[in-house]
N, C-alpha and C. Protein backbone atom coordinates (compact mmCIF):
# COMPACT_ATOMS: atom_id res chain seq x y z
N UNK A 1 5.52 -3.95 -9.44
CA UNK A 1 5.48 -3.84 -10.72
C UNK A 1 6.80 -3.14 -11.18
N UNK A 2 7.60 -3.64 -12.51
CA UNK A 2 8.86 -2.86 -12.59
C UNK A 2 8.39 -1.66 -13.43
N UNK A 3 9.32 -0.78 -13.95
CA UNK A 3 9.07 0.06 -15.35
C UNK A 3 8.95 -0.43 -16.34
N UNK A 4 9.47 -1.70 -16.22
CA UNK A 4 9.26 -1.88 -17.59
C UNK A 4 7.96 -3.34 -17.54
N UNK A 5 6.87 -3.47 -16.38
CA UNK A 5 5.65 -3.72 -16.50
C UNK A 5 5.54 -5.30 -15.78
N UNK A 6 6.65 -5.51 -15.47
CA UNK A 6 7.16 -7.00 -14.58
C UNK A 6 6.70 -7.03 -13.58
N UNK A 7 5.96 -8.24 -12.94
CA UNK A 7 5.31 -7.94 -11.44
C UNK A 7 6.31 -9.17 -10.96
N UNK A 8 6.87 -8.88 -9.73
CA UNK A 8 7.92 -9.39 -8.93
C UNK A 8 7.46 -10.06 -7.44
N UNK A 9 7.67 -11.26 -6.88
CA UNK A 9 7.41 -11.76 -6.07
C UNK A 9 5.92 -12.11 -5.99
N UNK A 10 5.21 -12.99 -7.07
CA UNK A 10 3.74 -12.87 -7.06
C UNK A 10 3.82 -13.79 -5.75
N UNK A 11 4.44 -14.65 -5.50
CA UNK A 11 4.59 -15.50 -4.68
C UNK A 11 4.20 -15.57 -3.73
N UNK A 12 4.57 -14.27 -3.31
CA UNK A 12 4.66 -13.49 -1.80
C UNK A 12 3.30 -12.56 -1.82
N UNK A 13 2.46 -12.34 -2.66
CA UNK A 13 1.50 -11.39 -3.06
C UNK A 13 0.52 -11.82 -1.82
N UNK A 14 -0.26 -10.93 -1.50
CA UNK A 14 -1.21 -10.87 -0.45
C UNK A 14 -2.66 -10.07 -0.86
N UNK A 15 -3.41 -10.36 -0.52
CA UNK A 15 -4.81 -9.60 -0.90
C UNK A 15 -5.13 -8.29 -0.29
N UNK A 16 -5.66 -7.15 -0.41
CA UNK A 16 -5.39 -6.38 -0.08
C UNK A 16 -6.33 -6.36 1.64
N UNK A 17 -7.05 -7.16 1.59
CA UNK A 17 -7.71 -7.19 3.04
C UNK A 17 -6.39 -7.78 3.97
N UNK A 18 -6.30 -8.59 3.62
CA UNK A 18 -5.08 -9.27 4.30
C UNK A 18 -3.53 -8.30 4.52
N UNK A 19 -3.35 -7.60 3.36
CA UNK A 19 -2.63 -6.49 3.77
C UNK A 19 -2.67 -5.47 4.88
N UNK A 20 -4.35 -4.82 4.80
CA UNK A 20 -4.89 -4.14 5.85
C UNK A 20 -4.66 -4.46 7.19
N UNK A 21 -4.68 -5.74 7.43
CA UNK A 21 -4.58 -6.80 8.48
C UNK A 21 -2.95 -6.81 8.91
N UNK A 22 -2.26 -7.10 8.70
CA UNK A 22 -0.95 -7.41 8.39
C UNK A 22 -0.31 -5.45 8.92
N UNK A 23 -0.91 -4.50 8.59
CA UNK A 23 -0.87 -3.03 8.54
C UNK A 23 -1.07 -2.23 10.07
N UNK A 24 -2.06 -3.38 10.26
CA UNK A 24 -3.11 -2.65 11.51
C UNK A 24 -3.19 -3.38 12.88
N UNK A 25 -3.95 -4.67 12.95
CA UNK A 25 -3.71 -5.36 14.02
C UNK A 25 -2.51 -6.32 14.24
N UNK A 26 -2.36 -6.82 13.38
CA UNK A 26 -1.08 -7.80 13.67
C UNK A 26 0.05 -6.76 13.85
N UNK A 27 0.32 -5.60 13.13
CA UNK A 27 1.36 -4.72 13.67
C UNK A 27 1.79 -4.36 14.67
N UNK A 28 0.00 -3.96 15.56
CA UNK A 28 -0.22 -3.81 16.86
C UNK A 28 0.11 -5.41 17.94
N UNK A 29 -0.25 -6.32 16.97
CA UNK A 29 0.26 -7.61 18.18
C UNK A 29 1.59 -7.77 18.35
N UNK A 30 2.70 -7.51 17.19
CA UNK A 30 3.72 -7.54 17.08
C UNK A 30 4.73 -6.54 18.19
N UNK A 31 4.05 -5.62 18.28
CA UNK A 31 4.74 -4.66 19.08
C UNK A 31 3.93 -4.85 20.69
N UNK A 32 3.22 -5.81 20.75
CA UNK A 32 2.37 -6.03 22.17
C UNK A 32 1.82 -5.19 22.87
N UNK A 33 1.01 -4.16 21.62
CA UNK A 33 0.21 -2.98 21.94
C UNK A 33 -1.23 -3.09 21.07
N UNK A 34 -1.51 -4.48 21.05
CA UNK A 34 -2.99 -4.82 20.31
C UNK A 34 -4.12 -4.25 21.52
N UNK A 35 -4.16 -3.90 22.58
CA UNK A 35 -4.85 -3.68 23.87
C UNK A 35 -5.18 -1.90 23.49
N UNK A 36 -4.69 -1.41 22.66
CA UNK A 36 -4.33 0.14 22.39
C UNK A 36 -4.11 0.36 20.99
N UNK A 37 -3.91 -0.29 20.03
CA UNK A 37 -3.53 0.17 18.98
C UNK A 37 -4.38 -0.94 17.91
N UNK A 38 -4.34 -0.63 16.19
CA UNK A 38 -4.41 -2.00 15.65
C UNK A 38 -6.10 -2.16 15.40
N UNK A 39 -7.04 -1.59 15.62
CA UNK A 39 -8.57 -1.55 15.85
C UNK A 39 -9.23 -0.17 15.74
N UNK A 40 -10.37 -0.21 15.49
CA UNK A 40 -11.13 1.16 16.07
C UNK A 40 -11.96 0.04 16.92
N UNK A 41 -11.75 0.85 18.41
CA UNK A 41 -12.70 0.52 19.66
C UNK A 41 -12.64 1.47 20.32
N UNK A 42 -13.74 1.41 21.59
CA UNK A 42 -13.32 2.20 22.46
C UNK A 42 -12.14 1.83 23.69
N UNK A 43 -11.70 2.90 23.92
CA UNK A 43 -10.36 2.75 25.00
C UNK A 43 -9.45 2.56 23.99
N UNK A 44 -9.06 2.47 22.94
CA UNK A 44 -7.63 2.79 21.94
C UNK A 44 -7.36 3.86 21.73
N UNK A 45 -6.05 4.08 21.35
CA UNK A 45 -6.11 5.56 20.78
C UNK A 45 -6.23 5.69 19.38
N UNK A 46 -7.00 7.00 18.90
CA UNK A 46 -7.59 7.09 18.01
C UNK A 46 -6.64 7.89 16.56
N UNK A 47 -5.77 7.05 16.57
CA UNK A 47 -4.93 7.31 14.91
C UNK A 47 -5.29 6.67 14.26
N UNK A 48 -5.72 7.34 13.36
CA UNK A 48 -6.32 7.25 11.87
C UNK A 48 -6.00 8.24 10.65
N UNK A 49 -6.41 7.46 9.61
CA UNK A 49 -6.57 8.47 8.48
C UNK A 49 -7.90 8.16 7.63
N UNK A 50 -8.33 9.69 7.33
CA UNK A 50 -9.67 9.37 6.02
C UNK A 50 -9.22 9.66 5.00
N UNK A 51 -9.20 8.09 4.07
CA UNK A 51 -8.67 8.58 2.71
C UNK A 51 -10.01 8.89 2.01
N UNK A 52 -9.65 9.18 0.70
CA UNK A 52 -10.84 9.88 -0.25
C UNK A 52 -11.35 8.56 -1.34
N UNK A 53 -10.60 7.27 -1.12
CA UNK A 53 -11.38 6.34 -1.90
C UNK A 53 -11.14 4.89 -0.58
N UNK A 54 -11.95 4.11 -0.88
CA UNK A 54 -11.99 2.56 -0.09
C UNK A 54 -10.65 1.80 -0.52
N UNK A 55 -9.52 1.56 -0.35
CA UNK A 55 -8.64 0.76 -1.03
C UNK A 55 -8.69 -1.19 -1.26
N UNK A 56 -10.06 -1.17 -0.24
CA UNK A 56 -10.60 -2.83 -0.32
C UNK A 56 -11.58 -2.71 -1.28
N UNK A 57 -12.07 -1.31 -2.12
CA UNK A 57 -13.27 -1.60 -2.81
C UNK A 57 -12.65 -2.21 -4.34
N UNK A 58 -13.25 -3.25 -4.89
CA UNK A 58 -12.44 -3.97 -5.88
C UNK A 58 -12.66 -3.17 -7.30
N UNK A 59 -13.60 -2.02 -7.33
CA UNK A 59 -13.59 -0.60 -8.25
C UNK A 59 -12.31 -0.01 -8.43
N UNK A 60 -11.56 -0.17 -7.25
CA UNK A 60 -10.10 0.72 -7.13
C UNK A 60 -9.13 -0.45 -7.64
N UNK A 61 -8.95 -0.05 -8.91
CA UNK A 61 -7.46 -0.96 -9.66
C UNK A 61 -6.60 -1.16 -8.79
N UNK A 62 -5.24 -1.72 -8.87
CA UNK A 62 -4.20 -2.15 -8.20
C UNK A 62 -3.18 -0.88 -8.81
N UNK A 63 -3.47 -0.39 -9.96
CA UNK A 63 -2.63 0.47 -10.25
C UNK A 63 -2.86 2.10 -9.46
N UNK A 64 -4.35 2.13 -9.55
CA UNK A 64 -5.15 3.26 -8.63
C UNK A 64 -4.52 3.32 -7.40
N UNK A 65 -4.28 2.57 -6.29
CA UNK A 65 -4.00 2.26 -5.27
C UNK A 65 -2.70 3.50 -4.48
N UNK A 66 -2.09 3.61 -5.70
CA UNK A 66 -0.73 4.82 -5.17
C UNK A 66 -1.59 5.89 -5.05
N UNK A 67 -2.76 6.58 -6.43
CA UNK A 67 -3.23 7.54 -6.31
C UNK A 67 -4.55 8.00 -5.14
N UNK A 68 -4.77 7.20 -4.02
CA UNK A 68 -5.45 7.31 -3.13
C UNK A 68 -4.88 8.11 -2.16
N UNK A 69 -5.91 9.59 -1.89
CA UNK A 69 -5.10 10.91 -1.17
C UNK A 69 -5.72 10.45 0.41
N UNK A 70 -5.02 11.56 1.47
CA UNK A 70 -5.12 11.19 2.82
C UNK A 70 -6.26 12.28 2.69
N UNK A 71 -7.43 12.35 3.31
CA UNK A 71 -8.18 14.03 3.54
C UNK A 71 -8.13 14.38 4.83
N UNK A 72 -7.65 13.40 5.92
CA UNK A 72 -7.67 13.78 7.55
C UNK A 72 -6.65 12.46 7.77
N UNK A 73 -5.77 13.56 8.81
CA UNK A 73 -5.10 12.50 9.83
C UNK A 73 -4.89 12.45 11.24
N UNK A 74 -5.62 11.95 12.27
CA UNK A 74 -6.43 11.57 13.46
C UNK A 74 -5.33 11.13 14.80
N UNK A 75 -4.35 11.69 15.43
CA UNK A 75 -3.67 11.22 16.14
C UNK A 75 -4.19 11.50 17.63
N UNK A 76 -4.61 10.43 18.54
CA UNK A 76 -5.26 10.66 19.79
C UNK A 76 -6.16 11.11 19.57
N UNK A 77 -7.03 10.82 18.37
CA UNK A 77 -8.50 11.83 18.41
C UNK A 77 -8.46 13.21 17.53
N UNK A 78 -7.38 13.78 17.88
CA UNK A 78 -7.15 15.32 17.34
C UNK A 78 -6.80 14.94 15.49
N UNK A 79 -7.49 15.91 14.83
CA UNK A 79 -7.14 16.10 13.61
C UNK A 79 -5.64 16.78 13.60
N UNK A 80 -4.44 15.93 12.98
CA UNK A 80 -3.37 16.92 12.73
C UNK A 80 -3.11 17.06 11.06
N UNK A 81 -3.82 16.71 10.48
CA UNK A 81 -4.08 16.97 9.09
C UNK A 81 -4.86 17.28 8.71
N UNK A 82 -5.65 18.10 7.80
CA UNK A 82 -6.63 18.34 7.31
C UNK A 82 -6.78 18.74 5.67
N UNK A 83 -7.10 18.30 4.72
CA UNK A 83 -7.18 18.41 3.40
C UNK A 83 -7.66 19.75 3.16
N UNK A 84 -7.92 20.70 2.50
CA UNK A 84 -8.02 21.94 1.89
C UNK A 84 -9.78 21.79 1.66
N UNK A 85 -9.52 20.58 0.66
CA UNK A 85 -11.05 20.46 0.03
C UNK A 85 -12.08 19.74 1.11
N UNK A 86 -11.76 19.80 2.48
CA UNK A 86 -13.27 19.37 3.49
C UNK A 86 -13.46 20.55 4.16
N UNK A 87 -12.61 21.61 3.94
CA UNK A 87 -13.20 23.26 4.51
C UNK A 87 -12.87 22.88 6.10
N UNK A 88 -13.81 23.29 6.84
CA UNK A 88 -13.47 23.69 8.33
C UNK A 88 -14.87 22.40 9.27
């Protein structure tokens, strides 16, 4: 969406679930590491984020997606970032 409210590239738009797959499992397949990355499974690297809202929730509008906050980031299963609101 432009600053004047125009939507660009509507024919190339994908739904949220498809966008998530593109950024996760499809990205892992692209770099030939789907055995290590792209989904939450035993034996895979535990690199993930915890968000304050579910971007797949239809109650979250497209305009609100950019307002979703990261609460925690895990790399290799260890917290490398934790929002102060989570406490210890």
